[in-house]
Amino acid sequence: MHSCNLSSQHMKHLLTLALALSVTGVASAGNPYITFRQQDGTERSLPLIGLQMTFGDGQMRAAGADEAFTLDLSTLHSMYFADQPTGIENVPAAPAGNAPARFYDLQGRPLNALGGQEKGVYIVKDGQEARKELKQ
């Protein structure tokens, strides 16, 4: 894979142009989220509708209706459009032994159980295994 070093100003222009050109078509094509993947593998998603992005001092601030975050542009690996959001970051390992399963929403927030949750996709961490489960 070929890489090149872009100044934060050039990166800002490229990201803004790419986003402006594709938001309408992508959202209407069934991919209503943009996901930012960092070099360490963590991913964060925001809805395209209402998305606001600002740039300054080598950083990008992305804000949606319910969430906002700041990324250092030097750690940004890629970004892509998706039909489901992701926000999985450092899901903690279960303690050794017969620990009960742990539940998380797609933003990585811990939940008590899936019983009272709305329909959707959730992360279940059981021992050393993590999986996504669909609650219907």
C-alpha atoms as a PDB file:
ATOM      1  CA  MET A   1       0.000   0.000   0.000  1.00  0.00           C
ATOM      2  CA  HIS A   2       1.338   3.440  -0.915  1.00  0.00           C
ATOM      3  CA  SER A   3       1.135   6.246   1.589  1.00  0.00           C
ATOM      4  CA  CYS A   4       1.839   9.935   1.390  1.00  0.00           C
ATOM      5  CA  ASN A   5       2.116  12.639   4.003  1.00  0.00           C
ATOM      6  CA  LEU A   6      -0.473  15.392   3.716  1.00  0.00           C
ATOM      7  CA  SER A   7      -0.527  18.543   5.741  1.00  0.00           C
ATOM      8  CA  SER A   8      -3.496  18.921   8.047  1.00  0.00           C
ATOM      9  CA  GLN A   9      -4.762  21.734   5.783  1.00  0.00           C
ATOM     10  CA  HIS A  10      -4.711  19.449   2.723  1.00  0.00           C
ATOM     11  CA  MET A  11      -6.289  16.622   4.729  1.00  0.00           C
ATOM     12  CA  LYS A  12      -9.028  19.010   5.852  1.00  0.00           C
ATOM     13  CA  HIS A  13      -9.811  20.015   2.266  1.00  0.00           C
ATOM     14  CA  LEU A  14      -9.833  16.409   1.043  1.00  0.00           C
ATOM     15  CA  LEU A  15     -12.067  15.190   3.860  1.00  0.00           C
ATOM     16  CA  THR A  16     -14.478  18.086   3.448  1.00  0.00           C
ATOM     17  CA  LEU A  17     -14.679  17.609  -0.320  1.00  0.00           C
ATOM     18  CA  ALA A  18     -15.146  13.845  -0.075  1.00  0.00           C
ATOM     19  CA  LEU A  19     -17.835  14.225   2.540  1.00  0.00           C
ATOM     20  CA  ALA A  20     -19.679  16.972   0.674  1.00  0.00           C
ATOM     21  CA  LEU A  21     -19.707  14.996  -2.578  1.00  0.00           C
ATOM     22  CA  SER A  22     -20.923  11.765  -1.110  1.00  0.00           C
ATOM     23  CA  VAL A  23     -23.190  12.454   1.874  1.00  0.00           C
ATOM     24  CA  THR A  24     -26.433  12.823  -0.054  1.00  0.00           C
ATOM     25  CA  GLY A  25     -25.918   9.859  -2.377  1.00  0.00           C
ATOM     26  CA  VAL A  26     -24.555   7.552   0.300  1.00  0.00           C
ATOM     27  CA  ALA A  27     -27.256   8.308   2.862  1.00  0.00           C
ATOM     28  CA  SER A  28     -29.970   7.721   0.289  1.00  0.00           C
ATOM     29  CA  ALA A  29     -28.273   4.477  -0.822  1.00  0.00           C
ATOM     30  CA  GLY A  30     -28.775   2.890   2.604  1.00  0.00           C
ATOM     31  CA  ASN A  31     -25.463   3.836   4.246  1.00  0.00           C
ATOM     32  CA  PRO A  32     -26.510   6.550   6.700  1.00  0.00           C
ATOM     33  CA  TYR A  33     -23.333   6.496   8.866  1.00  0.00           C
ATOM     34  CA  ILE A  34     -19.734   7.571   8.416  1.00  0.00           C
ATOM     35  CA  THR A  35     -17.152   5.559  10.324  1.00  0.00           C
ATOM     36  CA  PHE A  36     -13.689   6.849  11.200  1.00  0.00           C
ATOM     37  CA  ARG A  37     -11.035   4.176  11.695  1.00  0.00           C
ATOM     38  CA  GLN A  38      -7.855   5.057  13.529  1.00  0.00           C
ATOM     39  CA  GLN A  39      -4.474   3.396  13.062  1.00  0.00           C
ATOM     40  CA  ASP A  40      -4.903   1.411  16.305  1.00  0.00           C
ATOM     41  CA  GLY A  41      -8.087  -0.188  14.887  1.00  0.00           C
ATOM     42  CA  THR A  42     -10.650   1.687  16.969  1.00  0.00           C
ATOM     43  CA  GLU A  43     -13.690   2.898  15.064  1.00  0.00           C
ATOM     44  CA  ARG A  44     -16.282   5.576  15.757  1.00  0.00           C
ATOM     45  CA  SER A  45     -19.418   6.250  13.710  1.00  0.00           C
ATOM     46  CA  LEU A  46     -21.802   9.165  13.398  1.00  0.00           C
ATOM     47  CA  PRO A  47     -25.020   9.601  11.406  1.00  0.00           C
ATOM     48  CA  LEU A  48     -24.563  11.559   8.179  1.00  0.00           C
ATOM     49  CA  ILE A  49     -27.738  13.546   8.741  1.00  0.00           C
ATOM     50  CA  GLY A  50     -26.858  16.547  10.896  1.00  0.00           C
ATOM     51  CA  LEU A  51     -23.122  15.776  10.815  1.00  0.00           C
ATOM     52  CA  GLN A  52     -20.841  18.731  11.495  1.00  0.00           C
ATOM     53  CA  MET A  53     -17.068  18.549  11.078  1.00  0.00           C
ATOM     54  CA  THR A  54     -14.513  21.189  11.970  1.00  0.00           C
ATOM     55  CA  PHE A  55     -10.734  21.150  11.615  1.00  0.00           C
ATOM     56  CA  GLY A  56      -7.928  22.920  13.423  1.00  0.00           C
ATOM     57  CA  ASP A  57      -4.440  22.315  14.797  1.00  0.00           C
ATOM     58  CA  GLY A  58      -4.162  18.904  13.134  1.00  0.00           C
ATOM     59  CA  GLN A  59      -7.410  17.674  14.648  1.00  0.00           C
ATOM     60  CA  MET A  60     -10.894  16.960  13.361  1.00  0.00           C
ATOM     61  CA  ARG A  61     -13.982  17.441  15.539  1.00  0.00           C
ATOM     62  CA  ALA A  62     -17.025  15.507  14.361  1.00  0.00           C
ATOM     63  CA  ALA A  63     -20.420  16.083  15.947  1.00  0.00           C
ATOM     64  CA  GLY A  64     -23.797  14.470  15.405  1.00  0.00           C
ATOM     65  CA  ALA A  65     -27.110  14.911  17.179  1.00  0.00           C
ATOM     66  CA  ASP A  66     -26.203  12.667  20.149  1.00  0.00           C
ATOM     67  CA  GLU A  67     -22.418  12.419  20.174  1.00  0.00           C
ATOM     68  CA  ALA A  68     -19.245  14.335  19.393  1.00  0.00           C
ATOM     69  CA  PHE A  69     -15.572  13.411  19.385  1.00  0.00           C
ATOM     70  CA  THR A  70     -12.181  14.759  18.343  1.00  0.00           C
ATOM     71  CA  LEU A  71      -9.583  12.814  16.352  1.00  0.00           C
ATOM     72  CA  ASP A  72      -5.939  13.602  15.748  1.00  0.00           C
ATOM     73  CA  LEU A  73      -5.646  13.583  11.941  1.00  0.00           C
ATOM     74  CA  SER A  74      -2.227  11.935  12.149  1.00  0.00           C
ATOM     75  CA  THR A  75      -3.909   8.821  13.645  1.00  0.00           C
ATOM     76  CA  LEU A  76      -6.752   8.634  11.101  1.00  0.00           C
ATOM     77  CA  HIS A  77      -6.333   5.468   9.037  1.00  0.00           C
ATOM     78  CA  SER A  78      -9.485   5.577   6.930  1.00  0.00           C
ATOM     79  CA  MET A  79     -13.131   6.456   6.865  1.00  0.00           C
ATOM     80  CA  TYR A  80     -16.030   4.708   5.193  1.00  0.00           C
ATOM     81  CA  PHE A  81     -19.803   4.810   4.898  1.00  0.00           C
ATOM     82  CA  ALA A  82     -21.798   2.083   6.609  1.00  0.00           C
ATOM     83  CA  ASP A  83     -25.357   0.924   7.144  1.00  0.00           C
ATOM     84  CA  GLN A  84     -24.747   0.254  10.878  1.00  0.00           C
ATOM     85  CA  PRO A  85     -22.805   2.402  13.352  1.00  0.00           C
ATOM     86  CA  THR A  86     -19.801   1.162  15.282  1.00  0.00           C
ATOM     87  CA  GLY A  87     -18.079   2.545  18.304  1.00  0.00           C
ATOM     88  CA  ILE A  88     -16.308  -0.448  19.709  1.00  0.00           C
ATOM     89  CA  GLU A  89     -13.294   0.607  21.726  1.00  0.00           C
ATOM     90  CA  ASN A  90     -11.309  -1.464  24.163  1.00  0.00           C
ATOM     91  CA  VAL A  91     -14.027  -3.850  25.320  1.00  0.00           C
ATOM     92  CA  PRO A  92     -12.719  -4.989  28.720  1.00  0.00           C
ATOM     93  CA  ALA A  93     -11.757  -8.628  29.120  1.00  0.00           C
ATOM     94  CA  ALA A  94     -13.887 -10.780  31.400  1.00  0.00           C
ATOM     95  CA  PRO A  95     -12.265 -11.880  34.655  1.00  0.00           C
ATOM     96  CA  ALA A  96     -10.905 -15.432  34.780  1.00  0.00           C
ATOM     97  CA  GLY A  97     -13.278 -18.158  35.890  1.00  0.00           C
ATOM     98  CA  ASN A  98     -16.987 -18.470  35.331  1.00  0.00           C
ATOM     99  CA  ALA A  99     -17.770 -14.791  34.911  1.00  0.00           C
ATOM    100  CA  PRO A 100     -21.232 -13.898  33.587  1.00  0.00           C
ATOM    101  CA  ALA A 101     -21.627 -12.566  30.060  1.00  0.00           C
ATOM    102  CA  ARG A 102     -21.258  -8.801  29.659  1.00  0.00           C
ATOM    103  CA  PHE A 103     -23.359  -6.692  27.300  1.00  0.00           C
ATOM    104  CA  TYR A 104     -22.521  -3.498  25.366  1.00  0.00           C
ATOM    105  CA  ASP A 105     -24.301  -1.286  22.882  1.00  0.00           C
ATOM    106  CA  LEU A 106     -22.647  -0.531  19.527  1.00  0.00           C
ATOM    107  CA  GLN A 107     -21.052   2.589  20.995  1.00  0.00           C
ATOM    108  CA  GLY A 108     -19.234   0.376  23.511  1.00  0.00           C
ATOM    109  CA  ARG A 109     -21.295   1.473  26.519  1.00  0.00           C
ATOM    110  CA  PRO A 110     -21.882  -1.290  29.107  1.00  0.00           C
ATOM    111  CA  LEU A 111     -25.448  -2.517  29.677  1.00  0.00           C
ATOM    112  CA  ASN A 112     -26.922  -4.501  32.565  1.00  0.00           C
ATOM    113  CA  ALA A 113     -28.639  -7.060  30.317  1.00  0.00           C
ATOM    114  CA  LEU A 114     -30.329  -7.333  26.939  1.00  0.00           C
ATOM    115  CA  GLY A 115     -33.779  -8.094  28.380  1.00  0.00           C
ATOM    116  CA  GLY A 116     -34.937  -4.484  28.707  1.00  0.00           C
ATOM    117  CA  GLN A 117     -33.158  -3.155  25.612  1.00  0.00           C
ATOM    118  CA  GLU A 118     -34.787  -2.150  22.323  1.00  0.00           C
ATOM    119  CA  LYS A 119     -34.509  -4.268  19.204  1.00  0.00           C
ATOM    120  CA  GLY A 120     -31.098  -3.951  17.588  1.00  0.00           C
ATOM    121  CA  VAL A 121     -27.537  -5.208  17.468  1.00  0.00           C
ATOM    122  CA  TYR A 122     -25.554  -5.591  20.703  1.00  0.00           C
ATOM    123  CA  ILE A 123     -22.119  -6.872  21.681  1.00  0.00           C
ATOM    124  CA  VAL A 124     -21.915  -9.824  24.049  1.00  0.00           C
ATOM    125  CA  LYS A 125     -18.590 -10.583  25.753  1.00  0.00           C
ATOM    126  CA  ASP A 126     -18.520 -14.088  27.208  1.00  0.00           C
ATOM    127  CA  GLY A 127     -15.160 -15.082  28.644  1.00  0.00           C
ATOM    128  CA  GLN A 128     -12.553 -14.364  25.974  1.00  0.00           C
ATOM    129  CA  GLU A 129     -15.114 -14.411  23.141  1.00  0.00           C
ATOM    130  CA  ALA A 130     -16.983 -11.343  21.893  1.00  0.00           C
ATOM    131  CA  ARG A 131     -19.795 -11.469  19.361  1.00  0.00           C
ATOM    132  CA  LYS A 132     -22.582  -9.304  17.977  1.00  0.00           C
ATOM    133  CA  GLU A 133     -26.131 -10.413  18.673  1.00  0.00           C
ATOM    134  CA  LEU A 134     -29.339  -9.262  17.082  1.00  0.00           C
ATOM    135  CA  LYS A 135     -32.229  -8.712  19.500  1.00  0.00           C
ATOM    136  CA  GLN A 136     -35.568  -8.972  17.729  1.00  0.00           C
END
